[in-house]
């Protein structure tokens, strides 16, 4: 069965000031439990803000390291999930359900990519 990486993209500058609501946490927990019981969720986590991150860049044989936050970036990866589903359509259905647990004032995008095997 194919595996997929879903990268949750957010705009750090436009996340709700109050953060993640208790209701969202409960809905997310219930969905994660359902996905785990269904055997499709292999791993998931949220990521710390870019202010805690670094970018390592390689160009022309040179490496540079830049401290976050990365203000020139509109969308950043705020979390991820690794799913194993029978096909891409099933992965997309789970991804849509994940997005729908958020309140309407959130703007969230999930990029779905199949993991290359071998």
PDB file of N, CA and C in Angstrom:
ATOM      1  N   UNK A   1       0.845  -1.181   0.000  1.00  0.00           N
ATOM      2  CA  UNK A   1       0.000   0.000   0.000  1.00  0.00           C
ATOM      3  C   UNK A   1       0.891   1.246   0.000  1.00  0.00           C
ATOM      4  N   UNK A   2       0.525   2.228  -0.789  1.00  0.00           N
ATOM      5  CA  UNK A   2       1.354   3.430  -0.861  1.00  0.00           C
ATOM      6  C   UNK A   2       1.300   4.251   0.425  1.00  0.00           C
ATOM      7  N   UNK A   3       2.392   4.959   0.668  1.00  0.00           N
ATOM      8  CA  UNK A   3       2.464   5.880   1.793  1.00  0.00           C
ATOM      9  C   UNK A   3       2.500   7.310   1.251  1.00  0.00           C
ATOM     10  N   UNK A   4       1.928   8.219   2.021  1.00  0.00           N
ATOM     11  CA  UNK A   4       1.852   9.618   1.616  1.00  0.00           C
ATOM     12  C   UNK A   4       2.302  10.512   2.763  1.00  0.00           C
ATOM     13  N   UNK A   5       3.000  11.570   2.405  1.00  0.00           N
ATOM     14  CA  UNK A   5       3.352  12.608   3.354  1.00  0.00           C
ATOM     15  C   UNK A   5       2.405  13.782   3.106  1.00  0.00           C
ATOM     16  N   UNK A   6       1.695  14.190   4.137  1.00  0.00           N
ATOM     17  CA  UNK A   6       0.869  15.378   4.024  1.00  0.00           C
ATOM     18  C   UNK A   6       1.542  16.460   4.858  1.00  0.00           C
ATOM     19  N   UNK A   7       1.885  17.550   4.196  1.00  0.00           N
ATOM     20  CA  UNK A   7       2.537  18.674   4.856  1.00  0.00           C
ATOM     21  C   UNK A   7       1.496  19.759   5.063  1.00  0.00           C
ATOM     22  N   UNK A   8       1.290  20.130   6.293  1.00  0.00           N
ATOM     23  CA  UNK A   8       0.274  21.110   6.649  1.00  0.00           C
ATOM     24  C   UNK A   8       0.904  22.493   6.562  1.00  0.00           C
ATOM     25  N   UNK A   9       0.412  23.282   5.626  1.00  0.00           N
ATOM     26  CA  UNK A   9       0.969  24.620   5.404  1.00  0.00           C
ATOM     27  C   UNK A   9       0.068  25.670   6.052  1.00  0.00           C
ATOM     28  N   UNK A  10       0.709  26.585   6.785  1.00  0.00           N
ATOM     29  CA  UNK A  10      -0.013  27.681   7.426  1.00  0.00           C
ATOM     30  C   UNK A  10       0.738  28.981   7.165  1.00  0.00           C
ATOM     31  N   UNK A  11       0.063  30.094   7.343  1.00  0.00           N
ATOM     32  CA  UNK A  11       0.693  31.406   7.318  1.00  0.00           C
ATOM     33  C   UNK A  11       0.894  31.807   8.771  1.00  0.00           C
ATOM     34  N   UNK A  12       2.130  31.752   9.247  1.00  0.00           N
ATOM     35  CA  UNK A  12       2.409  32.045  10.653  1.00  0.00           C
ATOM     36  C   UNK A  12       1.970  33.450  11.053  1.00  0.00           C
ATOM     37  N   UNK A  13       1.928  34.370  10.096  1.00  0.00           N
ATOM     38  CA  UNK A  13       1.549  35.747  10.402  1.00  0.00           C
ATOM     39  C   UNK A  13       0.042  35.915  10.562  1.00  0.00           C
ATOM     40  N   UNK A  14      -0.733  34.919  10.147  1.00  0.00           N
ATOM     41  CA  UNK A  14      -2.190  35.031  10.218  1.00  0.00           C
ATOM     42  C   UNK A  14      -2.847  33.905  10.994  1.00  0.00           C
ATOM     43  N   UNK A  15      -2.113  33.274  11.898  1.00  0.00           N
ATOM     44  CA  UNK A  15      -2.744  32.257  12.738  1.00  0.00           C
ATOM     45  C   UNK A  15      -3.543  32.960  13.827  1.00  0.00           C
ATOM     46  N   UNK A  16      -4.616  32.349  14.300  1.00  0.00           N
ATOM     47  CA  UNK A  16      -5.434  32.988  15.335  1.00  0.00           C
ATOM     48  C   UNK A  16      -4.607  33.354  16.564  1.00  0.00           C
ATOM     49  N   UNK A  17      -4.781  34.575  17.039  1.00  0.00           N
ATOM     50  CA  UNK A  17      -4.016  35.067  18.191  1.00  0.00           C
ATOM     51  C   UNK A  17      -4.216  34.195  19.425  1.00  0.00           C
ATOM     52  N   UNK A  18      -5.431  33.650  19.555  1.00  0.00           N
ATOM     53  CA  UNK A  18      -5.730  32.817  20.719  1.00  0.00           C
ATOM     54  C   UNK A  18      -5.157  31.412  20.594  1.00  0.00           C
ATOM     55  N   UNK A  19      -4.571  31.104  19.444  1.00  0.00           N
ATOM     56  CA  UNK A  19      -3.967  29.791  19.249  1.00  0.00           C
ATOM     57  C   UNK A  19      -5.009  28.724  18.946  1.00  0.00           C
ATOM     58  N   UNK A  20      -4.664  27.513  19.263  1.00  0.00           N
ATOM     59  CA  UNK A  20      -5.524  26.371  18.968  1.00  0.00           C
ATOM     60  C   UNK A  20      -6.577  26.246  20.065  1.00  0.00           C
ATOM     61  N   UNK A  21      -7.836  26.216  19.664  1.00  0.00           N
ATOM     62  CA  UNK A  21      -8.923  26.141  20.629  1.00  0.00           C
ATOM     63  C   UNK A  21      -9.039  24.740  21.223  1.00  0.00           C
ATOM     64  N   UNK A  22      -9.677  24.665  22.377  1.00  0.00           N
ATOM     65  CA  UNK A  22      -9.915  23.369  23.016  1.00  0.00           C
ATOM     66  C   UNK A  22     -10.771  22.476  22.123  1.00  0.00           C
ATOM     67  N   UNK A  23     -11.761  23.080  21.466  1.00  0.00           N
ATOM     68  CA  UNK A  23     -12.617  22.307  20.555  1.00  0.00           C
ATOM     69  C   UNK A  23     -11.830  21.706  19.412  1.00  0.00           C
ATOM     70  N   UNK A  24     -10.913  22.485  18.833  1.00  0.00           N
ATOM     71  CA  UNK A  24     -10.076  21.971  17.750  1.00  0.00           C
ATOM     72  C   UNK A  24      -9.207  20.832  18.253  1.00  0.00           C
ATOM     73  N   UNK A  25      -8.634  20.995  19.434  1.00  0.00           N
ATOM     74  CA  UNK A  25      -7.801  19.927  19.995  1.00  0.00           C
ATOM     75  C   UNK A  25      -8.605  18.642  20.200  1.00  0.00           C
ATOM     76  N   UNK A  26      -9.837  18.764  20.660  1.00  0.00           N
ATOM     77  CA  UNK A  26     -10.687  17.590  20.870  1.00  0.00           C
ATOM     78  C   UNK A  26     -11.042  16.918  19.542  1.00  0.00           C
ATOM     79  N   UNK A  27     -11.440  17.729  18.561  1.00  0.00           N
ATOM     80  CA  UNK A  27     -11.787  17.172  17.249  1.00  0.00           C
ATOM     81  C   UNK A  27     -10.578  16.523  16.593  1.00  0.00           C
ATOM     82  N   UNK A  28      -9.418  17.167  16.709  1.00  0.00           N
ATOM     83  CA  UNK A  28      -8.188  16.625  16.142  1.00  0.00           C
ATOM     84  C   UNK A  28      -7.828  15.311  16.834  1.00  0.00           C
ATOM     85  N   UNK A  29      -7.948  15.277  18.157  1.00  0.00           N
ATOM     86  CA  UNK A  29      -7.646  14.051  18.892  1.00  0.00           C
ATOM     87  C   UNK A  29      -8.544  12.900  18.480  1.00  0.00           C
ATOM     88  N   UNK A  30      -9.837  13.186  18.290  1.00  0.00           N
ATOM     89  CA  UNK A  30     -10.784  12.143  17.875  1.00  0.00           C
ATOM     90  C   UNK A  30     -10.443  11.635  16.474  1.00  0.00           C
ATOM     91  N   UNK A  31     -10.096  12.544  15.559  1.00  0.00           N
ATOM     92  CA  UNK A  31      -9.746  12.132  14.201  1.00  0.00           C
ATOM     93  C   UNK A  31      -8.454  11.324  14.200  1.00  0.00           C
ATOM     94  N   UNK A  32      -7.467  11.757  14.961  1.00  0.00           N
ATOM     95  CA  UNK A  32      -6.208  11.012  15.034  1.00  0.00           C
ATOM     96  C   UNK A  32      -6.445   9.616  15.591  1.00  0.00           C
ATOM     97  N   UNK A  33      -7.298   9.512  16.595  1.00  0.00           N
ATOM     98  CA  UNK A  33      -7.625   8.195  17.146  1.00  0.00           C
ATOM     99  C   UNK A  33      -8.308   7.322  16.093  1.00  0.00           C
ATOM    100  N   UNK A  34      -9.246   7.897  15.360  1.00  0.00           N
ATOM    101  CA  UNK A  34      -9.936   7.141  14.306  1.00  0.00           C
ATOM    102  C   UNK A  34      -8.961   6.691  13.220  1.00  0.00           C
ATOM    103  N   UNK A  35      -8.066   7.569  12.807  1.00  0.00           N
ATOM    104  CA  UNK A  35      -7.090   7.226  11.768  1.00  0.00           C
ATOM    105  C   UNK A  35      -6.126   6.145  12.251  1.00  0.00           C
ATOM    106  N   UNK A  36      -5.756   6.208  13.516  1.00  0.00           N
ATOM    107  CA  UNK A  36      -4.864   5.204  14.085  1.00  0.00           C
ATOM    108  C   UNK A  36      -5.552   3.846  14.124  1.00  0.00           C
ATOM    109  N   UNK A  37      -6.813   3.826  14.585  1.00  0.00           N
ATOM    110  CA  UNK A  37      -7.569   2.567  14.635  1.00  0.00           C
ATOM    111  C   UNK A  37      -7.792   1.993  13.235  1.00  0.00           C
ATOM    112  N   UNK A  38      -7.949   2.859  12.230  1.00  0.00           N
ATOM    113  CA  UNK A  38      -8.141   2.411  10.847  1.00  0.00           C
ATOM    114  C   UNK A  38      -6.838   1.914  10.231  1.00  0.00           C
ATOM    115  N   UNK A  39      -5.710   2.158  10.912  1.00  0.00           N
ATOM    116  CA  UNK A  39      -4.417   1.682  10.425  1.00  0.00           C
ATOM    117  C   UNK A  39      -3.808   2.532   9.324  1.00  0.00           C
ATOM    118  N   UNK A  40      -4.319   3.755   9.115  1.00  0.00           N
ATOM    119  CA  UNK A  40      -3.778   4.590   8.039  1.00  0.00           C
ATOM    120  C   UNK A  40      -2.769   5.619   8.531  1.00  0.00           C
ATOM    121  N   UNK A  41      -2.814   5.984   9.810  1.00  0.00           N
ATOM    122  CA  UNK A  41      -1.908   7.001  10.333  1.00  0.00           C
ATOM    123  C   UNK A  41      -0.648   6.345  10.871  1.00  0.00           C
ATOM    124  N   UNK A  42       0.484   6.634  10.234  1.00  0.00           N
ATOM    125  CA  UNK A  42       1.760   6.068  10.666  1.00  0.00           C
ATOM    126  C   UNK A  42       2.496   7.014  11.604  1.00  0.00           C
ATOM    127  N   UNK A  43       2.356   8.327  11.388  1.00  0.00           N
ATOM    128  CA  UNK A  43       3.026   9.309  12.231  1.00  0.00           C
ATOM    129  C   UNK A  43       2.413  10.671  11.968  1.00  0.00           C
ATOM    130  N   UNK A  44       2.397  11.530  12.976  1.00  0.00           N
ATOM    131  CA  UNK A  44       1.925  12.893  12.814  1.00  0.00           C
ATOM    132  C   UNK A  44       2.485  13.752  13.932  1.00  0.00           C
ATOM    133  N   UNK A  45       2.661  15.039  13.647  1.00  0.00           N
ATOM    134  CA  UNK A  45       3.112  15.985  14.671  1.00  0.00           C
ATOM    135  C   UNK A  45       2.974  17.398  14.139  1.00  0.00           C
ATOM    136  N   UNK A  46       2.820  18.327  15.071  1.00  0.00           N
ATOM    137  CA  UNK A  46       2.925  19.734  14.740  1.00  0.00           C
ATOM    138  C   UNK A  46       4.380  20.141  14.861  1.00  0.00           C
ATOM    139  N   UNK A  47       4.734  21.239  14.234  1.00  0.00           N
ATOM    140  CA  UNK A  47       6.103  21.723  14.275  1.00  0.00           C
ATOM    141  C   UNK A  47       6.176  23.041  15.039  1.00  0.00           C
ATOM    142  N   UNK A  48       7.293  23.280  15.664  1.00  0.00           N
ATOM    143  CA  UNK A  48       7.529  24.544  16.358  1.00  0.00           C
ATOM    144  C   UNK A  48       7.539  25.672  15.321  1.00  0.00           C
ATOM    145  N   UNK A  49       7.249  26.899  15.747  1.00  0.00           N
ATOM    146  CA  UNK A  49       7.283  28.032  14.810  1.00  0.00           C
ATOM    147  C   UNK A  49       8.660  28.201  14.174  1.00  0.00           C
ATOM    148  N   UNK A  50       8.699  28.866  13.027  1.00  0.00           N
ATOM    149  CA  UNK A  50       9.973  29.056  12.332  1.00  0.00           C
ATOM    150  C   UNK A  50      10.956  29.884  13.148  1.00  0.00           C
ATOM    151  N   UNK A  51      10.477  30.628  14.125  1.00  0.00           N
ATOM    152  CA  UNK A  51      11.388  31.392  14.983  1.00  0.00           C
ATOM    153  C   UNK A  51      12.321  30.469  15.762  1.00  0.00           C
ATOM    154  N   UNK A  52      11.962  29.195  15.873  1.00  0.00           N
ATOM    155  CA  UNK A  52      12.796  28.208  16.557  1.00  0.00           C
ATOM    156  C   UNK A  52      13.618  27.375  15.568  1.00  0.00           C
ATOM    157  N   UNK A  53      13.486  27.680  14.266  1.00  0.00           N
ATOM    158  CA  UNK A  53      14.107  26.842  13.251  1.00  0.00           C
ATOM    159  C   UNK A  53      15.347  27.439  12.621  1.00  0.00           C
ATOM    160  N   UNK A  54      15.954  26.667  11.783  1.00  0.00           N
ATOM    161  CA  UNK A  54      17.130  27.048  10.996  1.00  0.00           C
ATOM    162  C   UNK A  54      16.896  26.572   9.562  1.00  0.00           C
ATOM    163  N   UNK A  55      17.495  27.274   8.629  1.00  0.00           N
ATOM    164  CA  UNK A  55      17.536  26.820   7.238  1.00  0.00           C
ATOM    165  C   UNK A  55      18.995  26.575   6.885  1.00  0.00           C
ATOM    166  N   UNK A  56      19.259  25.411   6.325  1.00  0.00           N
ATOM    167  CA  UNK A  56      20.595  25.059   5.877  1.00  0.00           C
ATOM    168  C   UNK A  56      20.530  25.017   4.353  1.00  0.00           C
ATOM    169  N   UNK A  57      21.357  25.841   3.719  1.00  0.00           N
ATOM    170  CA  UNK A  57      21.313  26.007   2.256  1.00  0.00           C
ATOM    171  C   UNK A  57      22.666  25.630   1.670  1.00  0.00           C
ATOM    172  N   UNK A  58      22.625  24.886   0.562  1.00  0.00           N
ATOM    173  CA  UNK A  58      23.841  24.486  -0.142  1.00  0.00           C
ATOM    174  C   UNK A  58      23.793  25.054  -1.553  1.00  0.00           C
ATOM    175  N   UNK A  59      24.806  25.823  -1.910  1.00  0.00           N
ATOM    176  CA  UNK A  59      24.884  26.404  -3.256  1.00  0.00           C
ATOM    177  C   UNK A  59      26.336  26.657  -3.606  1.00  0.00           C
ATOM    178  N   UNK A  60      26.714  26.271  -4.823  1.00  0.00           N
ATOM    179  CA  UNK A  60      28.081  26.480  -5.320  1.00  0.00           C
ATOM    180  C   UNK A  60      29.136  25.938  -4.357  1.00  0.00           C
ATOM    181  N   UNK A  61      28.827  24.794  -3.740  1.00  0.00           N
ATOM    182  CA  UNK A  61      29.786  24.157  -2.848  1.00  0.00           C
ATOM    183  C   UNK A  61      29.869  24.768  -1.461  1.00  0.00           C
ATOM    184  N   UNK A  62      29.045  25.764  -1.172  1.00  0.00           N
ATOM    185  CA  UNK A  62      29.065  26.442   0.128  1.00  0.00           C
ATOM    186  C   UNK A  62      27.778  26.167   0.900  1.00  0.00           C
ATOM    187  N   UNK A  63      27.910  26.052   2.212  1.00  0.00           N
ATOM    188  CA  UNK A  63      26.755  25.861   3.082  1.00  0.00           C
ATOM    189  C   UNK A  63      26.578  27.104   3.939  1.00  0.00           C
ATOM    190  N   UNK A  64      25.328  27.566   4.007  1.00  0.00           N
ATOM    191  CA  UNK A  64      24.993  28.666   4.904  1.00  0.00           C
ATOM    192  C   UNK A  64      23.852  28.214   5.807  1.00  0.00           C
ATOM    193  N   UNK A  65      23.847  28.746   7.020  1.00  0.00           N
ATOM    194  CA  UNK A  65      22.793  28.451   7.986  1.00  0.00           C
ATOM    195  C   UNK A  65      22.145  29.777   8.368  1.00  0.00           C
ATOM    196  N   UNK A  66      20.809  29.835   8.254  1.00  0.00           N
ATOM    197  CA  UNK A  66      20.058  31.039   8.571  1.00  0.00           C
ATOM    198  C   UNK A  66      19.111  30.736   9.719  1.00  0.00           C
ATOM    199  N   UNK A  67      19.110  31.603  10.729  1.00  0.00           N
ATOM    200  CA  UNK A  67      18.183  31.467  11.851  1.00  0.00           C
ATOM    201  C   UNK A  67      16.792  31.943  11.451  1.00  0.00           C
ATOM    202  N   UNK A  68      15.759  31.278  11.987  1.00  0.00           N
ATOM    203  CA  UNK A  68      14.393  31.733  11.806  1.00  0.00           C
ATOM    204  C   UNK A  68      14.125  32.933  12.678  1.00  0.00           C
ATOM    205  N   UNK A  69      13.014  33.600  12.526  1.00  0.00           N
ATOM    206  CA  UNK A  69      11.913  33.257  11.625  1.00  0.00           C
ATOM    207  C   UNK A  69      12.224  33.643  10.186  1.00  0.00           C
ATOM    208  N   UNK A  70      11.485  33.074   9.285  1.00  0.00           N
ATOM    209  CA  UNK A  70      11.701  33.275   7.861  1.00  0.00           C
ATOM    210  C   UNK A  70      10.605  34.183   7.325  1.00  0.00           C
ATOM    211  N   UNK A  71      10.785  35.466   7.508  1.00  0.00           N
ATOM    212  CA  UNK A  71       9.731  36.446   7.218  1.00  0.00           C
ATOM    213  C   UNK A  71       9.398  36.544   5.737  1.00  0.00           C
ATOM    214  N   UNK A  72      10.326  36.157   4.862  1.00  0.00           N
ATOM    215  CA  UNK A  72      10.043  36.249   3.434  1.00  0.00           C
ATOM    216  C   UNK A  72       9.122  35.137   2.954  1.00  0.00           C
ATOM    217  N   UNK A  73       8.832  34.187   3.799  1.00  0.00           N
ATOM    218  CA  UNK A  73       7.994  33.053   3.435  1.00  0.00           C
ATOM    219  C   UNK A  73       6.569  33.305   3.909  1.00  0.00           C
ATOM    220  N   UNK A  74       5.618  33.204   2.979  1.00  0.00           N
ATOM    221  CA  UNK A  74       4.225  33.396   3.358  1.00  0.00           C
ATOM    222  C   UNK A  74       3.674  32.147   4.044  1.00  0.00           C
ATOM    223  N   UNK A  75       3.849  30.998   3.420  1.00  0.00           N
ATOM    224  CA  UNK A  75       3.363  29.749   4.003  1.00  0.00           C
ATOM    225  C   UNK A  75       4.545  28.924   4.496  1.00  0.00           C
ATOM    226  N   UNK A  76       4.374  28.316   5.677  1.00  0.00           N
ATOM    227  CA  UNK A  76       5.392  27.431   6.225  1.00  0.00           C
ATOM    228  C   UNK A  76       4.730  26.111   6.600  1.00  0.00           C
ATOM    229  N   UNK A  77       5.541  25.094   6.723  1.00  0.00           N
ATOM    230  CA  UNK A  77       5.016  23.801   7.140  1.00  0.00           C
ATOM    231  C   UNK A  77       4.843  23.842   8.653  1.00  0.00           C
ATOM    232  N   UNK A  78       3.592  23.711   9.104  1.00  0.00           N
ATOM    233  CA  UNK A  78       3.269  23.779  10.522  1.00  0.00           C
ATOM    234  C   UNK A  78       3.104  22.413  11.159  1.00  0.00           C
ATOM    235  N   UNK A  79       3.054  21.375  10.340  1.00  0.00           N
ATOM    236  CA  UNK A  79       2.894  20.018  10.838  1.00  0.00           C
ATOM    237  C   UNK A  79       2.919  19.044   9.678  1.00  0.00           C
ATOM    238  N   UNK A  80       2.814  17.777   9.998  1.00  0.00           N
ATOM    239  CA  UNK A  80       2.847  16.752   8.954  1.00  0.00           C
ATOM    240  C   UNK A  80       2.113  15.505   9.440  1.00  0.00           C
ATOM    241  N   UNK A  81       1.792  14.653   8.500  1.00  0.00           N
ATOM    242  CA  UNK A  81       1.293  13.317   8.809  1.00  0.00           C
ATOM    243  C   UNK A  81       1.811  12.371   7.734  1.00  0.00           C
ATOM    244  N   UNK A  82       2.087  11.149   8.134  1.00  0.00           N
ATOM    245  CA  UNK A  82       2.440  10.093   7.187  1.00  0.00           C
ATOM    246  C   UNK A  82       1.290   9.100   7.221  1.00  0.00           C
ATOM    247  N   UNK A  83       0.654   8.926   6.059  1.00  0.00           N
ATOM    248  CA  UNK A  83      -0.492   8.029   5.945  1.00  0.00           C
ATOM    249  C   UNK A  83      -0.158   6.878   5.014  1.00  0.00           C
ATOM    250  N   UNK A  84      -0.719   5.717   5.301  1.00  0.00           N
ATOM    251  CA  UNK A  84      -0.622   4.575   4.403  1.00  0.00           C
ATOM    252  C   UNK A  84      -2.039   4.180   4.058  1.00  0.00           C
ATOM    253  N   UNK A  85      -2.408   4.365   2.807  1.00  0.00           N
ATOM    254  CA  UNK A  85      -3.780   4.121   2.358  1.00  0.00           C
ATOM    255  C   UNK A  85      -3.770   3.240   1.127  1.00  0.00           C
ATOM    256  N   UNK A  86      -4.957   2.746   0.762  1.00  0.00           N
ATOM    257  CA  UNK A  86      -5.022   1.861  -0.407  1.00  0.00           C
ATOM    258  C   UNK A  86      -4.702   2.602  -1.692  1.00  0.00           C
ATOM    259  N   UNK A  87      -4.990   3.922  -1.724  1.00  0.00           N
ATOM    260  CA  UNK A  87      -4.699   4.723  -2.912  1.00  0.00           C
ATOM    261  C   UNK A  87      -4.739   6.207  -2.571  1.00  0.00           C
ATOM    262  N   UNK A  88      -4.431   7.033  -3.560  1.00  0.00           N
ATOM    263  CA  UNK A  88      -4.397   8.478  -3.347  1.00  0.00           C
ATOM    264  C   UNK A  88      -5.771   9.033  -2.969  1.00  0.00           C
ATOM    265  N   UNK A  89      -6.819   8.492  -3.558  1.00  0.00           N
ATOM    266  CA  UNK A  89      -8.175   8.981  -3.266  1.00  0.00           C
ATOM    267  C   UNK A  89      -8.503   8.835  -1.780  1.00  0.00           C
ATOM    268  N   UNK A  90      -8.136   7.697  -1.191  1.00  0.00           N
ATOM    269  CA  UNK A  90      -8.390   7.504   0.239  1.00  0.00           C
ATOM    270  C   UNK A  90      -7.565   8.488   1.066  1.00  0.00           C
ATOM    271  N   UNK A  91      -6.315   8.706   0.678  1.00  0.00           N
ATOM    272  CA  UNK A  91      -5.470   9.666   1.383  1.00  0.00           C
ATOM    273  C   UNK A  91      -6.085  11.062   1.325  1.00  0.00           C
ATOM    274  N   UNK A  92      -6.605  11.441   0.175  1.00  0.00           N
ATOM    275  CA  UNK A  92      -7.223  12.763   0.027  1.00  0.00           C
ATOM    276  C   UNK A  92      -8.474  12.892   0.892  1.00  0.00           C
ATOM    277  N   UNK A  93      -9.239  11.826   1.041  1.00  0.00           N
ATOM    278  CA  UNK A  93     -10.431  11.879   1.892  1.00  0.00           C
ATOM    279  C   UNK A  93     -10.046  12.113   3.352  1.00  0.00           C
ATOM    280  N   UNK A  94      -9.023  11.423   3.833  1.00  0.00           N
ATOM    281  CA  UNK A  94      -8.560  11.640   5.198  1.00  0.00           C
ATOM    282  C   UNK A  94      -8.018  13.061   5.363  1.00  0.00           C
ATOM    283  N   UNK A  95      -7.296  13.541   4.356  1.00  0.00           N
ATOM    284  CA  UNK A  95      -6.735  14.893   4.409  1.00  0.00           C
ATOM    285  C   UNK A  95      -7.836  15.945   4.464  1.00  0.00           C
ATOM    286  N   UNK A  96      -8.882  15.764   3.680  1.00  0.00           N
ATOM    287  CA  UNK A  96     -10.018  16.698   3.705  1.00  0.00           C
ATOM    288  C   UNK A  96     -10.655  16.712   5.091  1.00  0.00           C
ATOM    289  N   UNK A  97     -10.800  15.556   5.685  1.00  0.00           N
ATOM    290  CA  UNK A  97     -11.387  15.478   7.033  1.00  0.00           C
ATOM    291  C   UNK A  97     -10.509  16.208   8.040  1.00  0.00           C
ATOM    292  N   UNK A  98      -9.198  16.077   7.883  1.00  0.00           N
ATOM    293  CA  UNK A  98      -8.282  16.794   8.764  1.00  0.00           C
ATOM    294  C   UNK A  98      -8.492  18.305   8.653  1.00  0.00           C
ATOM    295  N   UNK A  99      -8.577  18.799   7.436  1.00  0.00           N
ATOM    296  CA  UNK A  99      -8.762  20.242   7.250  1.00  0.00           C
ATOM    297  C   UNK A  99     -10.096  20.705   7.829  1.00  0.00           C
ATOM    298  N   UNK A 100     -11.119  19.880   7.729  1.00  0.00           N
ATOM    299  CA  UNK A 100     -12.461  20.266   8.166  1.00  0.00           C
ATOM    300  C   UNK A 100     -12.630  20.310   9.681  1.00  0.00           C
ATOM    301  N   UNK A 101     -11.679  19.786  10.452  1.00  0.00           N
ATOM    302  CA  UNK A 101     -11.803  19.901  11.911  1.00  0.00           C
ATOM    303  C   UNK A 101     -11.447  21.311  12.390  1.00  0.00           C
ATOM    304  N   UNK A 102     -10.807  22.106  11.533  1.00  0.00           N
ATOM    305  CA  UNK A 102     -10.432  23.478  11.883  1.00  0.00           C
ATOM    306  C   UNK A 102     -11.646  24.396  11.815  1.00  0.00           C
ATOM    307  N   UNK A 103     -11.629  25.425  12.660  1.00  0.00           N
ATOM    308  CA  UNK A 103     -12.682  26.432  12.620  1.00  0.00           C
ATOM    309  C   UNK A 103     -12.562  27.244  11.327  1.00  0.00           C
ATOM    310  N   UNK A 104     -13.665  27.900  10.901  1.00  0.00           N
ATOM    311  CA  UNK A 104     -13.650  28.646   9.639  1.00  0.00           C
ATOM    312  C   UNK A 104     -12.625  29.780   9.573  1.00  0.00           C
ATOM    313  N   UNK A 105     -12.189  30.321  10.715  1.00  0.00           N
ATOM    314  CA  UNK A 105     -11.232  31.428  10.666  1.00  0.00           C
ATOM    315  C   UNK A 105      -9.798  30.974  10.385  1.00  0.00           C
ATOM    316  N   UNK A 106      -9.547  29.666  10.353  1.00  0.00           N
ATOM    317  CA  UNK A 106      -8.226  29.148  10.001  1.00  0.00           C
ATOM    318  C   UNK A 106      -8.078  29.098   8.483  1.00  0.00           C
ATOM    319  N   UNK A 107      -6.869  29.319   8.002  1.00  0.00           N
ATOM    320  CA  UNK A 107      -6.522  29.066   6.607  1.00  0.00           C
ATOM    321  C   UNK A 107      -5.408  28.026   6.631  1.00  0.00           C
ATOM    322  N   UNK A 108      -5.728  26.831   6.163  1.00  0.00           N
ATOM    323  CA  UNK A 108      -4.789  25.711   6.226  1.00  0.00           C
ATOM    324  C   UNK A 108      -4.778  25.015   4.870  1.00  0.00           C
ATOM    325  N   UNK A 109      -3.593  24.665   4.406  1.00  0.00           N
ATOM    326  CA  UNK A 109      -3.432  23.924   3.159  1.00  0.00           C
ATOM    327  C   UNK A 109      -2.621  22.678   3.469  1.00  0.00           C
ATOM    328  N   UNK A 110      -3.028  21.543   2.932  1.00  0.00           N
ATOM    329  CA  UNK A 110      -2.218  20.333   3.064  1.00  0.00           C
ATOM    330  C   UNK A 110      -1.696  19.946   1.688  1.00  0.00           C
ATOM    331  N   UNK A 111      -0.400  19.853   1.595  1.00  0.00           N
ATOM    332  CA  UNK A 111       0.229  19.357   0.369  1.00  0.00           C
ATOM    333  C   UNK A 111       0.411  17.854   0.536  1.00  0.00           C
ATOM    334  N   UNK A 112      -0.094  17.075  -0.394  1.00  0.00           N
ATOM    335  CA  UNK A 112      -0.047  15.614  -0.312  1.00  0.00           C
ATOM    336  C   UNK A 112       0.924  15.095  -1.355  1.00  0.00           C
ATOM    337  N   UNK A 113       1.898  14.310  -0.905  1.00  0.00           N
ATOM    338  CA  UNK A 113       2.909  13.763  -1.816  1.00  0.00           C
ATOM    339  C   UNK A 113       3.112  12.289  -1.504  1.00  0.00           C
ATOM    340  N   UNK A 114       3.093  11.469  -2.550  1.00  0.00           N
ATOM    341  CA  UNK A 114       3.361  10.050  -2.350  1.00  0.00           C
ATOM    342  C   UNK A 114       4.851   9.866  -2.047  1.00  0.00           C
ATOM    343  N   UNK A 115       5.138   8.982  -1.095  1.00  0.00           N
ATOM    344  CA  UNK A 115       6.522   8.690  -0.731  1.00  0.00           C
ATOM    345  C   UNK A 115       7.076   7.673  -1.714  1.00  0.00           C
ATOM    346  N   UNK A 116       8.190   8.016  -2.328  1.00  0.00           N
ATOM    347  CA  UNK A 116       8.804   7.132  -3.305  1.00  0.00           C
ATOM    348  C   UNK A 116       9.429   5.948  -2.578  1.00  0.00           C
ATOM    349  N   UNK A 117       9.043   4.771  -2.972  1.00  0.00           N
ATOM    350  CA  UNK A 117       9.536   3.554  -2.334  1.00  0.00           C
ATOM    351  C   UNK A 117      10.800   3.070  -3.031  1.00  0.00           C
ATOM    352  N   UNK A 118      11.640   2.384  -2.278  1.00  0.00           N
ATOM    353  CA  UNK A 118      12.767   1.708  -2.864  1.00  0.00           C
ATOM    354  C   UNK A 118      13.998   2.502  -2.865  1.00  0.00           C
TER     355      UNK A 118
END
